[in-house]
Amino acid sequence: MSATKIIAYISAVILIFFGVLFIWAAFGSNPHPEWICVGVVSVSIGFGLIWFASRSKPSTAPQNVTLQVDLPANVGMDTIKCQSCGGVLKPENISMVAGAPVVTCPYCGTTYQLTEEPKW
């Protein structure tokens, strides 16, 4: 839930609470008929805030995630070859899908998850 929705709901509760108090006080031992109008307006604004906050849609802006890998010194990079056809793959052929590196071969069209072989 976004911060604006939380603020709207808290403000609505406060407005409804004080609106009900104004309406209730209008019929007390010392009646004030003008307080009924203040209470009704306050309660109406409170329910209006609840209605607008519940109808607002969350923003679905795409999020860009940048993954930086720090390698220790003296690391040599081997060429990556397709498991199917043996074609040399470039960094553009590797994408992150659900947190895992996925390779799409431009030569044979094979798609597979990139796994690291044990070093021993």
C-alpha atoms as a PDB file:
ATOM      1  CA  MET A   1       0.000   0.000   0.000  1.00  0.00           C
ATOM      2  CA  SER A   2       1.380   3.390  -0.939  1.00  0.00           C
ATOM      3  CA  ALA A   3       2.047   6.207   1.498  1.00  0.00           C
ATOM      4  CA  THR A   4      -0.650   8.410  -0.054  1.00  0.00           C
ATOM      5  CA  LYS A   5      -3.281   5.725   0.522  1.00  0.00           C
ATOM      6  CA  ILE A   6      -2.233   5.358   4.161  1.00  0.00           C
ATOM      7  CA  ILE A   7      -2.397   9.124   4.679  1.00  0.00           C
ATOM      8  CA  ALA A   8      -5.814   9.258   2.984  1.00  0.00           C
ATOM      9  CA  TYR A   9      -7.200   6.467   5.187  1.00  0.00           C
ATOM     10  CA  ILE A  10      -5.854   8.022   8.407  1.00  0.00           C
ATOM     11  CA  SER A  11      -7.263  11.443   7.434  1.00  0.00           C
ATOM     12  CA  ALA A  12     -10.620   9.852   6.604  1.00  0.00           C
ATOM     13  CA  VAL A  13     -10.818   8.138   9.992  1.00  0.00           C
ATOM     14  CA  ILE A  14     -10.025  11.404  11.783  1.00  0.00           C
ATOM     15  CA  LEU A  15     -12.625  13.341   9.751  1.00  0.00           C
ATOM     16  CA  ILE A  16     -15.320  10.716  10.315  1.00  0.00           C
ATOM     17  CA  PHE A  17     -14.534  10.548  14.039  1.00  0.00           C
ATOM     18  CA  PHE A  18     -14.804  14.300  14.554  1.00  0.00           C
ATOM     19  CA  GLY A  19     -17.823  14.509  12.262  1.00  0.00           C
ATOM     20  CA  VAL A  20     -19.677  11.974  14.375  1.00  0.00           C
ATOM     21  CA  LEU A  21     -18.675  13.904  17.515  1.00  0.00           C
ATOM     22  CA  PHE A  22     -20.071  17.148  16.028  1.00  0.00           C
ATOM     23  CA  ILE A  23     -23.347  15.443  15.101  1.00  0.00           C
ATOM     24  CA  TRP A  24     -23.602  13.860  18.527  1.00  0.00           C
ATOM     25  CA  ALA A  25     -22.835  17.174  20.272  1.00  0.00           C
ATOM     26  CA  ALA A  26     -25.540  18.940  18.235  1.00  0.00           C
ATOM     27  CA  PHE A  27     -28.176  16.973  20.117  1.00  0.00           C
ATOM     28  CA  GLY A  28     -26.599  17.370  23.570  1.00  0.00           C
ATOM     29  CA  SER A  29     -27.848  19.375  26.566  1.00  0.00           C
ATOM     30  CA  ASN A  30     -26.839  22.643  24.880  1.00  0.00           C
ATOM     31  CA  PRO A  31     -28.070  22.087  21.280  1.00  0.00           C
ATOM     32  CA  HIS A  32     -26.238  23.676  18.350  1.00  0.00           C
ATOM     33  CA  PRO A  33     -28.053  22.935  15.081  1.00  0.00           C
ATOM     34  CA  GLU A  34     -25.218  24.361  12.958  1.00  0.00           C
ATOM     35  CA  TRP A  35     -22.910  21.614  14.228  1.00  0.00           C
ATOM     36  CA  ILE A  36     -25.011  19.070  12.338  1.00  0.00           C
ATOM     37  CA  CYS A  37     -23.912  20.652   9.062  1.00  0.00           C
ATOM     38  CA  VAL A  38     -20.255  20.660  10.143  1.00  0.00           C
ATOM     39  CA  GLY A  39     -20.515  17.003  11.196  1.00  0.00           C
ATOM     40  CA  VAL A  40     -22.257  15.887   8.003  1.00  0.00           C
ATOM     41  CA  VAL A  41     -19.711  17.684   5.819  1.00  0.00           C
ATOM     42  CA  SER A  42     -16.814  16.176   7.804  1.00  0.00           C
ATOM     43  CA  VAL A  43     -18.244  12.632   7.587  1.00  0.00           C
ATOM     44  CA  SER A  44     -18.935  13.073   3.855  1.00  0.00           C
ATOM     45  CA  ILE A  45     -15.381  14.225   3.168  1.00  0.00           C
ATOM     46  CA  GLY A  46     -14.071  11.266   5.197  1.00  0.00           C
ATOM     47  CA  PHE A  47     -16.063   8.729   3.193  1.00  0.00           C
ATOM     48  CA  GLY A  48     -15.087  10.525  -0.023  1.00  0.00           C
ATOM     49  CA  LEU A  49     -11.404  10.123   0.895  1.00  0.00           C
ATOM     50  CA  ILE A  50     -11.936   6.410   1.506  1.00  0.00           C
ATOM     51  CA  TRP A  51     -13.687   6.051  -1.849  1.00  0.00           C
ATOM     52  CA  PHE A  52     -10.944   7.895  -3.771  1.00  0.00           C
ATOM     53  CA  ALA A  53      -8.130   6.037  -1.963  1.00  0.00           C
ATOM     54  CA  SER A  54      -9.678   2.644  -2.683  1.00  0.00           C
ATOM     55  CA  ARG A  55     -10.153   3.473  -6.385  1.00  0.00           C
ATOM     56  CA  SER A  56      -6.645   4.744  -7.044  1.00  0.00           C
ATOM     57  CA  LYS A  57      -4.501   2.203  -8.844  1.00  0.00           C
ATOM     58  CA  PRO A  58      -0.905   1.562  -7.868  1.00  0.00           C
ATOM     59  CA  SER A  59       1.688   2.741 -10.325  1.00  0.00           C
ATOM     60  CA  THR A  60       3.068  -0.089 -12.412  1.00  0.00           C
ATOM     61  CA  ALA A  61       6.153   1.651 -13.685  1.00  0.00           C
ATOM     62  CA  PRO A  62       8.754  -0.830 -14.898  1.00  0.00           C
ATOM     63  CA  GLN A  63      11.777  -1.188 -12.695  1.00  0.00           C
ATOM     64  CA  ASN A  64      15.237  -1.447 -14.185  1.00  0.00           C
ATOM     65  CA  VAL A  65      17.649  -3.645 -12.281  1.00  0.00           C
ATOM     66  CA  THR A  66      21.379  -3.315 -12.876  1.00  0.00           C
ATOM     67  CA  LEU A  67      23.536  -6.232 -11.831  1.00  0.00           C
ATOM     68  CA  GLN A  68      27.217  -5.478 -11.348  1.00  0.00           C
ATOM     69  CA  VAL A  69      29.622  -8.313 -10.707  1.00  0.00           C
ATOM     70  CA  ASP A  70      32.947  -7.499  -9.100  1.00  0.00           C
ATOM     71  CA  LEU A  71      35.527 -10.084 -10.073  1.00  0.00           C
ATOM     72  CA  PRO A  72      38.805 -10.541  -8.242  1.00  0.00           C
ATOM     73  CA  ALA A  73      42.005  -9.579 -10.065  1.00  0.00           C
ATOM     74  CA  ASN A  74      43.542 -11.869 -12.697  1.00  0.00           C
ATOM     75  CA  VAL A  75      40.284 -13.410 -13.868  1.00  0.00           C
ATOM     76  CA  GLY A  76      40.308 -14.695 -17.420  1.00  0.00           C
ATOM     77  CA  MET A  77      37.094 -14.895 -19.396  1.00  0.00           C
ATOM     78  CA  ASP A  78      36.481 -17.865 -21.662  1.00  0.00           C
ATOM     79  CA  THR A  79      34.247 -17.672 -24.687  1.00  0.00           C
ATOM     80  CA  ILE A  80      30.795 -19.068 -24.093  1.00  0.00           C
ATOM     81  CA  LYS A  81      29.558 -21.559 -26.667  1.00  0.00           C
ATOM     82  CA  CYS A  82      26.043 -22.830 -27.310  1.00  0.00           C
ATOM     83  CA  GLN A  83      25.359 -26.247 -25.771  1.00  0.00           C
ATOM     84  CA  SER A  84      23.419 -27.290 -28.869  1.00  0.00           C
ATOM     85  CA  CYS A  85      25.322 -26.061 -31.924  1.00  0.00           C
ATOM     86  CA  GLY A  86      28.633 -24.820 -30.484  1.00  0.00           C
ATOM     87  CA  GLY A  87      28.172 -21.269 -31.821  1.00  0.00           C
ATOM     88  CA  VAL A  88      30.049 -18.484 -30.027  1.00  0.00           C
ATOM     89  CA  LEU A  89      27.676 -16.442 -27.854  1.00  0.00           C
ATOM     90  CA  LYS A  90      27.966 -12.747 -27.133  1.00  0.00           C
ATOM     91  CA  PRO A  91      26.869 -10.864 -23.980  1.00  0.00           C
ATOM     92  CA  GLU A  92      23.785  -9.605 -25.896  1.00  0.00           C
ATOM     93  CA  ASN A  93      22.566 -13.216 -26.088  1.00  0.00           C
ATOM     94  CA  ILE A  94      22.374 -13.531 -22.296  1.00  0.00           C
ATOM     95  CA  SER A  95      19.440 -12.060 -20.369  1.00  0.00           C
ATOM     96  CA  MET A  96      18.196 -12.284 -16.797  1.00  0.00           C
ATOM     97  CA  VAL A  97      14.831 -14.043 -16.440  1.00  0.00           C
ATOM     98  CA  ALA A  98      13.401 -14.441 -12.919  1.00  0.00           C
ATOM     99  CA  GLY A  99      16.870 -13.890 -11.437  1.00  0.00           C
ATOM    100  CA  ALA A 100      18.609 -16.559 -13.533  1.00  0.00           C
ATOM    101  CA  PRO A 101      20.820 -16.022 -16.598  1.00  0.00           C
ATOM    102  CA  VAL A 102      19.146 -17.380 -19.732  1.00  0.00           C
ATOM    103  CA  VAL A 103      20.963 -17.834 -23.043  1.00  0.00           C
ATOM    104  CA  THR A 104      19.281 -17.569 -26.448  1.00  0.00           C
ATOM    105  CA  CYS A 105      21.477 -18.797 -29.289  1.00  0.00           C
ATOM    106  CA  PRO A 106      21.256 -16.559 -32.375  1.00  0.00           C
ATOM    107  CA  TYR A 107      22.336 -19.425 -34.646  1.00  0.00           C
ATOM    108  CA  CYS A 108      20.059 -22.334 -33.710  1.00  0.00           C
ATOM    109  CA  GLY A 109      17.437 -20.514 -31.561  1.00  0.00           C
ATOM    110  CA  THR A 110      17.969 -22.771 -28.526  1.00  0.00           C
ATOM    111  CA  THR A 111      17.079 -21.197 -25.158  1.00  0.00           C
ATOM    112  CA  TYR A 112      18.490 -22.602 -21.939  1.00  0.00           C
ATOM    113  CA  GLN A 113      19.518 -21.510 -18.453  1.00  0.00           C
ATOM    114  CA  LEU A 114      23.203 -20.774 -18.050  1.00  0.00           C
ATOM    115  CA  THR A 115      24.793 -22.907 -15.339  1.00  0.00           C
ATOM    116  CA  GLU A 116      28.279 -22.806 -13.909  1.00  0.00           C
ATOM    117  CA  GLU A 117      30.261 -26.009 -14.114  1.00  0.00           C
ATOM    118  CA  PRO A 118      32.226 -27.092 -11.046  1.00  0.00           C
ATOM    119  CA  LYS A 119      35.876 -26.080 -11.085  1.00  0.00           C
ATOM    120  CA  TRP A 120      37.275 -29.425  -9.893  1.00  0.00           C
END
